């Protein structure tokens, strides 16, 4: 079967670009095919010329964001020199990817159960597993290197850190005075050093 033409692929990309803010705002279940077709400027039936289902659209939007995370993480894991630098870099990677894919980030964080339940979202689940495994590897390496303490459950630490990092776009808006780099540094300090004065 032939793939989409260049023009068809561009149209698919444009439809996804317009649908992403709608999914982020209304939630996946709250969006109908008619809603998506309306923001895309096409008839509802025409949408199926480009996508076989709403699930496929959502999976493609979010998978692009998660692939960005995986690619950033691979570079970090190959280049970071120690546990602290590795964790700081993963935090920065995550914040930058969320900045570059704001709607996809919100869609994923707000609808995690949806991706677990739909077969068309299996690429998303595979990428999410790789992301989870990267964080687990980074934390485990840090413990083994002596950079992180051993008396805190790594899964608990990861869950707290994950929510702090990936939910921060809901309240954080970068400015010239305080940007993503500063937020990443402060997040790393809080989780690695605490908030108690030395």
N, C-alpha and C. Protein backbone atom coordinates (compact mmCIF):
# COMPACT_ATOMS: atom_id res chain seq x y z
N UNK A 1 0.84 -1.20 0.00
CA UNK A 1 0.00 0.00 0.00
C UNK A 1 0.88 1.24 0.00
N UNK A 2 0.55 2.19 -0.88
CA UNK A 2 1.35 3.39 -0.97
C UNK A 2 1.08 4.30 0.21
N UNK A 3 2.12 4.99 0.64
CA UNK A 3 1.97 5.94 1.73
C UNK A 3 1.39 7.24 1.22
N UNK A 4 1.14 8.18 2.12
CA UNK A 4 0.57 9.46 1.71
C UNK A 4 1.54 10.25 0.85
N UNK A 5 1.00 11.05 -0.06
CA UNK A 5 1.82 11.94 -0.86
C UNK A 5 2.42 13.02 0.03
N UNK A 6 3.34 13.80 -0.53
CA UNK A 6 3.93 14.90 0.24
C UNK A 6 2.84 15.86 0.68
N UNK A 7 1.94 16.19 -0.24
CA UNK A 7 0.84 17.10 0.11
C UNK A 7 -0.06 16.48 1.16
N UNK A 8 -0.32 15.16 1.03
CA UNK A 8 -1.15 14.47 2.01
C UNK A 8 -0.50 14.44 3.38
N UNK A 9 0.81 14.23 3.42
CA UNK A 9 1.53 14.22 4.69
C UNK A 9 1.52 15.60 5.32
N UNK A 10 1.67 16.63 4.51
CA UNK A 10 1.62 17.99 5.04
C UNK A 10 0.24 18.29 5.62
N UNK A 11 -0.79 17.80 4.94
CA UNK A 11 -2.16 18.01 5.43
C UNK A 11 -2.38 17.27 6.74
N UNK A 12 -1.86 16.06 6.84
CA UNK A 12 -1.97 15.30 8.09
C UNK A 12 -1.30 16.07 9.23
N UNK A 13 -0.10 16.58 8.96
CA UNK A 13 0.64 17.33 9.98
C UNK A 13 -0.14 18.57 10.42
N UNK A 14 -0.75 19.25 9.46
CA UNK A 14 -1.53 20.45 9.79
C UNK A 14 -2.76 20.10 10.61
N UNK A 15 -3.42 19.00 10.27
CA UNK A 15 -4.59 18.57 11.05
C UNK A 15 -4.18 18.28 12.49
N UNK A 16 -3.08 17.57 12.67
CA UNK A 16 -2.61 17.26 14.02
C UNK A 16 -2.23 18.53 14.77
N UNK A 17 -1.61 19.47 14.07
CA UNK A 17 -1.22 20.74 14.71
C UNK A 17 -2.43 21.48 15.23
N UNK A 18 -3.51 21.45 14.47
CA UNK A 18 -4.72 22.17 14.88
C UNK A 18 -5.51 21.38 15.93
N UNK A 19 -5.43 20.06 15.87
CA UNK A 19 -6.19 19.24 16.82
C UNK A 19 -5.55 19.22 18.21
N UNK A 20 -4.23 19.35 18.28
CA UNK A 20 -3.52 19.21 19.56
C UNK A 20 -4.04 20.16 20.64
N UNK A 21 -4.20 21.48 20.36
CA UNK A 21 -4.71 22.35 21.42
C UNK A 21 -6.13 21.99 21.84
N UNK A 22 -6.91 21.46 20.91
CA UNK A 22 -8.28 21.06 21.24
C UNK A 22 -8.28 19.88 22.20
N UNK A 23 -7.45 18.87 21.92
CA UNK A 23 -7.34 17.73 22.82
C UNK A 23 -6.84 18.17 24.19
N UNK A 24 -5.88 19.09 24.20
CA UNK A 24 -5.33 19.56 25.47
C UNK A 24 -6.37 20.31 26.29
N UNK A 25 -7.20 21.09 25.61
CA UNK A 25 -8.19 21.91 26.30
C UNK A 25 -9.40 21.11 26.76
N UNK A 26 -9.94 20.27 25.88
CA UNK A 26 -11.20 19.58 26.16
C UNK A 26 -11.02 18.17 26.67
N UNK A 27 -9.78 17.64 26.59
CA UNK A 27 -9.57 16.25 26.93
C UNK A 27 -9.89 15.38 25.73
N UNK A 28 -9.32 14.18 25.71
CA UNK A 28 -9.52 13.31 24.56
C UNK A 28 -10.98 12.90 24.43
N UNK A 29 -11.57 12.48 25.52
CA UNK A 29 -12.96 12.02 25.48
C UNK A 29 -13.91 13.17 25.16
N UNK A 30 -13.52 14.39 25.51
CA UNK A 30 -14.38 15.54 25.27
C UNK A 30 -14.36 16.05 23.85
N UNK A 31 -13.45 15.54 23.02
CA UNK A 31 -13.34 15.98 21.62
C UNK A 31 -14.05 14.99 20.71
N UNK A 32 -14.86 15.49 19.83
CA UNK A 32 -15.51 14.65 18.84
C UNK A 32 -14.80 14.79 17.49
N UNK A 33 -15.07 13.87 16.60
CA UNK A 33 -14.52 13.95 15.25
C UNK A 33 -14.99 15.24 14.59
N UNK A 34 -16.24 15.62 14.87
CA UNK A 34 -16.76 16.86 14.30
C UNK A 34 -15.97 18.08 14.81
N UNK A 35 -15.64 18.08 16.10
CA UNK A 35 -14.84 19.18 16.65
C UNK A 35 -13.50 19.29 15.92
N UNK A 36 -12.86 18.14 15.74
CA UNK A 36 -11.54 18.11 15.13
C UNK A 36 -11.63 18.58 13.67
N UNK A 37 -12.64 18.07 12.95
CA UNK A 37 -12.81 18.46 11.56
C UNK A 37 -13.06 19.96 11.44
N UNK A 38 -13.81 20.51 12.38
CA UNK A 38 -14.13 21.94 12.34
C UNK A 38 -12.88 22.79 12.50
N UNK A 39 -12.02 22.46 13.47
CA UNK A 39 -10.80 23.27 13.65
C UNK A 39 -9.82 23.04 12.51
N UNK A 40 -9.93 21.87 11.86
CA UNK A 40 -9.04 21.57 10.73
C UNK A 40 -9.56 22.16 9.42
N UNK A 41 -10.82 22.62 9.44
CA UNK A 41 -11.38 23.23 8.24
C UNK A 41 -11.78 22.23 7.17
N UNK A 42 -12.19 21.01 7.59
CA UNK A 42 -12.63 20.00 6.63
C UNK A 42 -13.92 19.36 7.13
N UNK A 43 -14.57 18.58 6.27
CA UNK A 43 -15.77 17.86 6.66
C UNK A 43 -15.39 16.66 7.53
N UNK A 44 -16.29 16.29 8.42
CA UNK A 44 -16.00 15.17 9.34
C UNK A 44 -15.61 13.91 8.60
N UNK A 45 -16.33 13.58 7.54
CA UNK A 45 -16.02 12.37 6.78
C UNK A 45 -14.66 12.42 6.13
N UNK A 46 -14.21 13.63 5.78
CA UNK A 46 -12.91 13.77 5.12
C UNK A 46 -11.75 13.47 6.07
N UNK A 47 -12.01 13.58 7.36
CA UNK A 47 -10.95 13.32 8.34
C UNK A 47 -10.45 11.88 8.22
N UNK A 48 -11.35 10.96 7.88
CA UNK A 48 -10.97 9.55 7.78
C UNK A 48 -10.13 9.26 6.53
N UNK A 49 -10.01 10.23 5.66
CA UNK A 49 -9.09 10.09 4.53
C UNK A 49 -7.65 10.16 5.01
N UNK A 50 -7.44 10.82 6.14
CA UNK A 50 -6.09 11.04 6.66
C UNK A 50 -5.79 10.17 7.89
N UNK A 51 -6.81 9.86 8.69
CA UNK A 51 -6.61 9.09 9.92
C UNK A 51 -7.73 8.08 10.07
N UNK A 52 -7.39 6.89 10.56
CA UNK A 52 -8.44 5.87 10.69
C UNK A 52 -9.26 6.02 11.97
N UNK A 53 -8.76 6.81 12.92
CA UNK A 53 -9.51 7.00 14.16
C UNK A 53 -8.95 8.19 14.95
N UNK A 54 -9.74 8.61 15.90
CA UNK A 54 -9.30 9.66 16.81
C UNK A 54 -8.13 9.17 17.65
N UNK A 55 -8.17 7.90 18.04
CA UNK A 55 -7.08 7.33 18.83
C UNK A 55 -5.74 7.44 18.10
N UNK A 56 -5.77 7.18 16.80
CA UNK A 56 -4.54 7.27 16.01
C UNK A 56 -3.99 8.69 16.01
N UNK A 57 -4.87 9.66 15.90
CA UNK A 57 -4.45 11.06 15.92
C UNK A 57 -3.77 11.41 17.24
N UNK A 58 -4.43 11.03 18.32
CA UNK A 58 -3.88 11.32 19.65
C UNK A 58 -2.53 10.64 19.83
N UNK A 59 -2.44 9.39 19.42
CA UNK A 59 -1.20 8.65 19.56
C UNK A 59 -0.07 9.32 18.79
N UNK A 60 -0.35 9.80 17.58
CA UNK A 60 0.70 10.45 16.78
C UNK A 60 1.16 11.75 17.41
N UNK A 61 0.22 12.53 17.94
CA UNK A 61 0.57 13.80 18.59
C UNK A 61 1.47 13.54 19.78
N UNK A 62 1.06 12.62 20.64
CA UNK A 62 1.81 12.38 21.87
C UNK A 62 3.11 11.63 21.60
N UNK A 63 3.10 10.72 20.65
CA UNK A 63 4.31 9.96 20.34
C UNK A 63 5.44 10.86 19.85
N UNK A 64 5.10 11.90 19.09
CA UNK A 64 6.13 12.85 18.64
C UNK A 64 6.81 13.51 19.84
N UNK A 65 6.02 13.86 20.84
CA UNK A 65 6.55 14.46 22.07
C UNK A 65 7.41 13.46 22.83
N UNK A 66 6.93 12.23 22.98
CA UNK A 66 7.69 11.23 23.73
C UNK A 66 8.97 10.83 23.00
N UNK A 67 8.93 10.78 21.66
CA UNK A 67 10.17 10.50 20.91
C UNK A 67 11.20 11.59 21.15
N UNK A 68 10.74 12.82 21.25
CA UNK A 68 11.65 13.93 21.55
C UNK A 68 12.32 13.72 22.90
N UNK A 69 11.54 13.27 23.88
CA UNK A 69 12.11 12.97 25.20
C UNK A 69 13.15 11.85 25.10
N UNK A 70 12.79 10.76 24.43
CA UNK A 70 13.70 9.62 24.30
C UNK A 70 15.02 10.05 23.66
N UNK A 71 14.94 10.83 22.59
CA UNK A 71 16.16 11.28 21.91
C UNK A 71 17.02 12.14 22.81
N UNK A 72 16.41 13.05 23.53
CA UNK A 72 17.16 13.91 24.46
C UNK A 72 17.79 13.06 25.57
N UNK A 73 17.02 12.13 26.10
CA UNK A 73 17.51 11.30 27.20
C UNK A 73 18.70 10.45 26.76
N UNK A 74 18.65 9.92 25.55
CA UNK A 74 19.76 9.08 25.07
C UNK A 74 21.06 9.86 25.04
N UNK A 75 21.00 11.10 24.61
CA UNK A 75 22.20 11.95 24.59
C UNK A 75 22.69 12.20 26.01
N UNK A 76 21.77 12.50 26.91
CA UNK A 76 22.14 12.77 28.30
C UNK A 76 22.77 11.55 28.96
N UNK A 77 22.15 10.39 28.78
CA UNK A 77 22.66 9.19 29.44
C UNK A 77 24.04 8.80 28.90
N UNK A 78 24.33 9.16 27.66
CA UNK A 78 25.63 8.82 27.07
C UNK A 78 26.71 9.82 27.44
N UNK A 79 26.31 11.01 27.89
CA UNK A 79 27.32 12.06 28.08
C UNK A 79 27.48 12.57 29.52
N UNK A 80 26.47 12.38 30.36
CA UNK A 80 26.56 12.92 31.72
C UNK A 80 27.65 12.21 32.51
N UNK A 81 28.38 12.97 33.31
CA UNK A 81 29.57 12.42 33.97
C UNK A 81 29.29 11.81 35.34
N UNK A 82 28.21 12.19 35.99
CA UNK A 82 27.91 11.63 37.31
C UNK A 82 26.41 11.69 37.57
N UNK A 83 26.01 11.10 38.69
CA UNK A 83 24.59 10.98 38.99
C UNK A 83 23.87 12.30 39.10
N UNK A 84 24.49 13.26 39.74
CA UNK A 84 23.85 14.57 39.91
C UNK A 84 23.69 15.28 38.57
N UNK A 85 24.76 15.29 37.77
CA UNK A 85 24.69 15.93 36.45
C UNK A 85 23.66 15.23 35.57
N UNK A 86 23.60 13.92 35.68
CA UNK A 86 22.66 13.13 34.87
C UNK A 86 21.22 13.49 35.21
N UNK A 87 20.92 13.56 36.50
CA UNK A 87 19.55 13.86 36.92
C UNK A 87 19.17 15.29 36.54
N UNK A 88 20.09 16.22 36.75
CA UNK A 88 19.84 17.61 36.38
C UNK A 88 19.55 17.72 34.89
N UNK A 89 20.33 17.03 34.08
CA UNK A 89 20.15 17.09 32.63
C UNK A 89 18.82 16.48 32.20
N UNK A 90 18.41 15.37 32.83
CA UNK A 90 17.12 14.77 32.50
C UNK A 90 15.97 15.71 32.85
N UNK A 91 16.10 16.41 33.95
CA UNK A 91 15.07 17.39 34.32
C UNK A 91 14.99 18.48 33.25
N UNK A 92 16.15 19.01 32.86
CA UNK A 92 16.18 20.06 31.84
C UNK A 92 15.63 19.54 30.51
N UNK A 93 16.04 18.32 30.12
CA UNK A 93 15.51 17.71 28.90
C UNK A 93 13.99 17.68 28.92
N UNK A 94 13.44 17.28 30.05
CA UNK A 94 11.98 17.12 30.18
C UNK A 94 11.27 18.45 30.09
N UNK A 95 11.81 19.46 30.75
CA UNK A 95 11.18 20.79 30.72
C UNK A 95 11.25 21.39 29.32
N UNK A 96 12.37 21.18 28.65
CA UNK A 96 12.50 21.72 27.29
C UNK A 96 11.57 21.00 26.31
N UNK A 97 11.44 19.70 26.45
CA UNK A 97 10.53 18.95 25.57
C UNK A 97 9.08 19.38 25.81
N UNK A 98 8.72 19.61 27.05
CA UNK A 98 7.36 20.09 27.35
C UNK A 98 7.13 21.47 26.79
N UNK A 99 8.16 22.31 26.82
CA UNK A 99 8.05 23.65 26.22
C UNK A 99 7.84 23.54 24.71
N UNK A 100 8.57 22.62 24.08
CA UNK A 100 8.49 22.48 22.62
C UNK A 100 7.22 21.76 22.16
N UNK A 101 6.60 20.99 23.05
CA UNK A 101 5.38 20.23 22.72
C UNK A 101 4.34 20.47 23.82
N UNK A 102 3.93 21.72 24.04
CA UNK A 102 3.08 22.01 25.21
C UNK A 102 1.74 21.28 25.19
N UNK A 103 1.10 21.21 24.05
CA UNK A 103 -0.21 20.56 23.99
C UNK A 103 -0.09 19.05 24.17
N UNK A 104 0.90 18.46 23.51
CA UNK A 104 1.10 17.01 23.64
C UNK A 104 1.44 16.63 25.08
N UNK A 105 2.24 17.46 25.73
CA UNK A 105 2.59 17.21 27.13
C UNK A 105 1.34 17.21 28.00
N UNK A 106 0.49 18.20 27.82
CA UNK A 106 -0.73 18.29 28.61
C UNK A 106 -1.68 17.13 28.29
N UNK A 107 -1.78 16.77 27.01
CA UNK A 107 -2.64 15.65 26.63
C UNK A 107 -2.19 14.38 27.34
N UNK A 108 -0.88 14.14 27.34
CA UNK A 108 -0.38 12.91 27.93
C UNK A 108 -0.55 12.91 29.45
N UNK A 109 -0.18 14.00 30.10
CA UNK A 109 -0.26 14.03 31.55
C UNK A 109 -1.71 13.98 32.05
N UNK A 110 -2.62 14.54 31.27
CA UNK A 110 -4.01 14.58 31.70
C UNK A 110 -4.84 13.37 31.32
N UNK A 111 -4.25 12.45 30.53
CA UNK A 111 -5.04 11.32 30.02
C UNK A 111 -4.25 10.02 30.05
N UNK A 112 -3.45 9.82 31.07
CA UNK A 112 -2.56 8.65 31.10
C UNK A 112 -3.34 7.34 31.04
N UNK A 113 -4.49 7.28 31.68
CA UNK A 113 -5.29 6.07 31.65
C UNK A 113 -5.79 5.74 30.25
N UNK A 114 -6.05 6.76 29.47
CA UNK A 114 -6.53 6.57 28.10
C UNK A 114 -5.49 5.82 27.27
N UNK A 115 -4.22 6.18 27.41
CA UNK A 115 -3.18 5.55 26.61
C UNK A 115 -2.95 4.10 27.02
N UNK A 116 -3.25 3.79 28.27
CA UNK A 116 -3.10 2.41 28.73
C UNK A 116 -4.20 1.51 28.20
N UNK A 117 -5.33 2.10 27.80
CA UNK A 117 -6.51 1.30 27.48
C UNK A 117 -6.77 1.11 25.99
N UNK A 118 -6.10 1.87 25.13
CA UNK A 118 -6.43 1.84 23.70
C UNK A 118 -5.31 1.21 22.88
N UNK A 119 -5.66 0.24 22.06
CA UNK A 119 -4.67 -0.50 21.29
C UNK A 119 -3.91 0.39 20.32
N UNK A 120 -4.59 1.38 19.73
CA UNK A 120 -3.90 2.26 18.78
C UNK A 120 -2.81 3.08 19.44
N UNK A 121 -2.81 3.10 20.76
CA UNK A 121 -1.83 3.90 21.50
C UNK A 121 -0.62 3.07 21.93
N UNK A 122 -0.46 1.86 21.38
CA UNK A 122 0.66 1.02 21.79
C UNK A 122 2.02 1.67 21.51
N UNK A 123 2.20 2.44 20.40
CA UNK A 123 3.50 3.13 20.24
C UNK A 123 3.78 4.11 21.37
N UNK A 124 2.73 4.75 21.85
CA UNK A 124 2.88 5.68 22.96
C UNK A 124 3.32 4.95 24.22
N UNK A 125 2.71 3.80 24.48
CA UNK A 125 3.07 3.03 25.67
C UNK A 125 4.52 2.55 25.60
N UNK A 126 4.95 2.14 24.42
CA UNK A 126 6.34 1.67 24.27
C UNK A 126 7.33 2.79 24.55
N UNK A 127 7.04 3.98 24.05
CA UNK A 127 7.92 5.13 24.30
C UNK A 127 7.89 5.49 25.79
N UNK A 128 6.71 5.46 26.40
CA UNK A 128 6.59 5.79 27.82
C UNK A 128 7.39 4.81 28.67
N UNK A 129 7.41 3.54 28.27
CA UNK A 129 8.20 2.54 28.99
C UNK A 129 9.68 2.86 28.91
N UNK A 130 10.15 3.26 27.74
CA UNK A 130 11.56 3.62 27.59
C UNK A 130 11.91 4.83 28.45
N UNK A 131 11.00 5.78 28.53
CA UNK A 131 11.23 6.97 29.36
C UNK A 131 11.30 6.58 30.83
N UNK A 132 10.36 5.75 31.26
CA UNK A 132 10.37 5.28 32.65
C UNK A 132 11.66 4.54 32.95
N UNK A 133 12.08 3.67 32.07
CA UNK A 133 13.31 2.89 32.29
C UNK A 133 14.55 3.78 32.34
N UNK A 134 14.54 4.87 31.58
CA UNK A 134 15.68 5.79 31.62
C UNK A 134 15.79 6.46 32.99
N UNK A 135 14.66 6.93 33.51
CA UNK A 135 14.68 7.54 34.84
C UNK A 135 15.12 6.52 35.89
N UNK A 136 14.61 5.31 35.80
CA UNK A 136 15.00 4.28 36.76
C UNK A 136 16.50 3.99 36.68
N UNK A 137 17.02 3.93 35.46
CA UNK A 137 18.45 3.69 35.29
C UNK A 137 19.27 4.83 35.87
N UNK A 138 18.85 6.06 35.61
CA UNK A 138 19.60 7.21 36.12
C UNK A 138 19.62 7.24 37.64
N UNK A 139 18.47 6.93 38.25
CA UNK A 139 18.40 6.93 39.72
C UNK A 139 19.21 5.78 40.30
N UNK A 140 19.09 4.61 39.70
CA UNK A 140 19.84 3.44 40.18
C UNK A 140 21.35 3.67 40.07
N UNK A 141 21.79 4.23 38.95
CA UNK A 141 23.22 4.53 38.78
C UNK A 141 23.69 5.52 39.82
N UNK A 142 22.85 6.52 40.11
CA UNK A 142 23.22 7.51 41.12
C UNK A 142 23.38 6.90 42.49
N UNK A 143 22.50 5.95 42.82
CA UNK A 143 22.61 5.26 44.12
C UNK A 143 23.89 4.42 44.14
N UNK A 144 24.13 3.68 43.06
CA UNK A 144 25.31 2.81 43.01
C UNK A 144 26.61 3.61 43.06
N UNK A 145 26.60 4.81 42.48
CA UNK A 145 27.79 5.66 42.48
C UNK A 145 28.00 6.37 43.81
N UNK A 146 26.98 6.29 44.69
CA UNK A 146 27.08 6.97 45.97
C UNK A 146 26.63 8.42 45.93
N UNK A 147 26.06 8.84 44.80
CA UNK A 147 25.59 10.23 44.68
C UNK A 147 24.25 10.42 45.37
N UNK A 148 23.41 9.36 45.41
CA UNK A 148 22.08 9.43 46.00
C UNK A 148 22.00 8.49 47.19
N UNK A 149 21.17 8.84 48.14
CA UNK A 149 21.02 8.05 49.35
C UNK A 149 20.31 6.73 49.08
N UNK A 150 20.59 5.74 49.92
CA UNK A 150 20.03 4.40 49.75
C UNK A 150 18.80 4.15 50.62
N UNK A 151 18.49 5.06 51.53
CA UNK A 151 17.41 4.80 52.47
C UNK A 151 16.07 5.37 52.00
N UNK A 152 15.98 5.81 50.76
CA UNK A 152 14.72 6.28 50.17
C UNK A 152 14.39 5.36 49.00
N UNK A 153 13.16 4.89 48.96
CA UNK A 153 12.74 4.00 47.88
C UNK A 153 12.87 4.73 46.54
N UNK A 154 13.66 4.20 45.60
CA UNK A 154 13.86 4.89 44.32
C UNK A 154 12.57 5.12 43.54
N UNK A 155 11.60 4.19 43.65
CA UNK A 155 10.33 4.37 42.94
C UNK A 155 9.55 5.56 43.51
N UNK A 156 9.61 5.73 44.82
CA UNK A 156 8.93 6.86 45.46
C UNK A 156 9.59 8.17 45.02
N UNK A 157 10.92 8.19 45.08
CA UNK A 157 11.66 9.38 44.65
C UNK A 157 11.30 9.73 43.21
N UNK A 158 11.27 8.71 42.35
CA UNK A 158 10.97 8.94 40.93
C UNK A 158 9.57 9.50 40.75
N UNK A 159 8.60 8.96 41.46
CA UNK A 159 7.22 9.42 41.29
C UNK A 159 7.06 10.88 41.72
N UNK A 160 7.67 11.25 42.84
CA UNK A 160 7.62 12.64 43.27
C UNK A 160 8.29 13.56 42.25
N UNK A 161 9.46 13.16 41.80
CA UNK A 161 10.21 13.97 40.84
C UNK A 161 9.46 14.07 39.51
N UNK A 162 8.91 12.94 39.05
CA UNK A 162 8.17 12.93 37.79
C UNK A 162 7.04 13.95 37.80
N UNK A 163 6.23 13.93 38.88
CA UNK A 163 5.11 14.85 38.93
C UNK A 163 5.58 16.30 39.04
N UNK A 164 6.63 16.53 39.80
CA UNK A 164 7.15 17.90 39.93
C UNK A 164 7.60 18.43 38.58
N UNK A 165 8.25 17.60 37.80
CA UNK A 165 8.79 18.04 36.51
C UNK A 165 7.70 18.14 35.45
N UNK A 166 6.92 17.08 35.28
CA UNK A 166 5.99 17.03 34.15
C UNK A 166 4.69 17.78 34.35
N UNK A 167 4.37 18.12 35.60
CA UNK A 167 3.17 18.92 35.84
C UNK A 167 3.50 20.40 35.98
N UNK A 168 4.78 20.74 36.03
CA UNK A 168 5.16 22.14 36.20
C UNK A 168 4.71 23.05 35.06
N UNK A 169 4.59 22.57 33.80
CA UNK A 169 4.08 23.47 32.75
C UNK A 169 2.69 24.02 33.02
N UNK A 170 1.96 23.41 33.92
CA UNK A 170 0.62 23.91 34.24
C UNK A 170 0.66 25.23 35.00
N UNK A 171 1.78 25.48 35.69
CA UNK A 171 1.88 26.72 36.46
C UNK A 171 3.10 27.56 36.10
N UNK A 172 4.10 26.96 35.48
CA UNK A 172 5.34 27.68 35.21
C UNK A 172 5.32 28.34 33.83
N UNK A 173 5.64 29.63 33.81
CA UNK A 173 5.73 30.39 32.57
C UNK A 173 7.08 31.10 32.54
N UNK A 174 7.99 30.63 31.69
CA UNK A 174 9.35 31.20 31.67
C UNK A 174 9.34 32.70 31.40
N UNK A 175 10.30 33.37 31.99
CA UNK A 175 10.49 34.80 31.75
C UNK A 175 11.97 35.07 31.55
N UNK A 176 12.31 36.29 31.20
CA UNK A 176 13.72 36.63 31.06
C UNK A 176 14.45 36.52 32.39
N UNK A 177 13.74 36.82 33.47
CA UNK A 177 14.36 36.79 34.79
C UNK A 177 14.51 35.37 35.33
N UNK A 178 13.62 34.49 34.94
CA UNK A 178 13.64 33.12 35.47
C UNK A 178 13.14 32.18 34.39
N UNK A 179 14.06 31.45 33.78
CA UNK A 179 13.71 30.59 32.67
C UNK A 179 13.75 29.12 33.00
N UNK A 180 13.67 28.30 31.97
CA UNK A 180 13.65 26.85 32.14
C UNK A 180 14.93 26.35 32.78
N UNK A 181 16.07 26.93 32.40
CA UNK A 181 17.34 26.49 32.99
C UNK A 181 17.36 26.69 34.50
N UNK A 182 16.83 27.86 34.94
CA UNK A 182 16.78 28.12 36.39
C UNK A 182 15.82 27.17 37.10
N UNK A 183 14.68 26.89 36.46
CA UNK A 183 13.73 25.96 37.08
C UNK A 183 14.35 24.58 37.19
N UNK A 184 15.05 24.13 36.16
CA UNK A 184 15.69 22.82 36.20
C UNK A 184 16.73 22.76 37.32
N UNK A 185 17.52 23.82 37.45
CA UNK A 185 18.55 23.85 38.50
C UNK A 185 17.92 23.83 39.88
N UNK A 186 16.87 24.63 40.08
CA UNK A 186 16.21 24.67 41.39
C UNK A 186 15.52 23.34 41.70
N UNK A 187 14.92 22.72 40.69
CA UNK A 187 14.27 21.42 40.92
C UNK A 187 15.30 20.38 41.34
N UNK A 188 16.43 20.36 40.63
CA UNK A 188 17.49 19.41 41.00
C UNK A 188 17.98 19.67 42.42
N UNK A 189 18.16 20.94 42.77
CA UNK A 189 18.64 21.26 44.12
C UNK A 189 17.64 20.82 45.19
N UNK A 190 16.36 21.10 44.95
CA UNK A 190 15.34 20.74 45.93
C UNK A 190 15.31 19.21 46.14
N UNK A 191 15.34 18.46 45.06
CA UNK A 191 15.24 17.01 45.19
C UNK A 191 16.54 16.37 45.66
N UNK A 192 17.67 16.98 45.37
CA UNK A 192 18.95 16.36 45.77
C UNK A 192 19.49 16.93 47.08
N UNK A 193 19.17 18.17 47.39
CA UNK A 193 19.72 18.79 48.60
C UNK A 193 18.65 19.14 49.63
N UNK A 194 17.38 19.18 49.23
CA UNK A 194 16.34 19.59 50.15
C UNK A 194 16.24 21.11 50.23
N UNK A 195 15.41 21.58 51.13
CA UNK A 195 15.19 23.02 51.27
C UNK A 195 15.74 23.54 52.60
N UNK A 196 16.48 22.68 53.30
CA UNK A 196 17.09 23.07 54.57
C UNK A 196 18.41 23.77 54.31
N UNK A 197 18.63 24.88 55.00
CA UNK A 197 19.87 25.62 54.80
C UNK A 197 21.06 24.75 55.22
N UNK A 198 22.16 24.78 54.46
CA UNK A 198 23.34 23.96 54.82
C UNK A 198 23.96 24.45 56.11
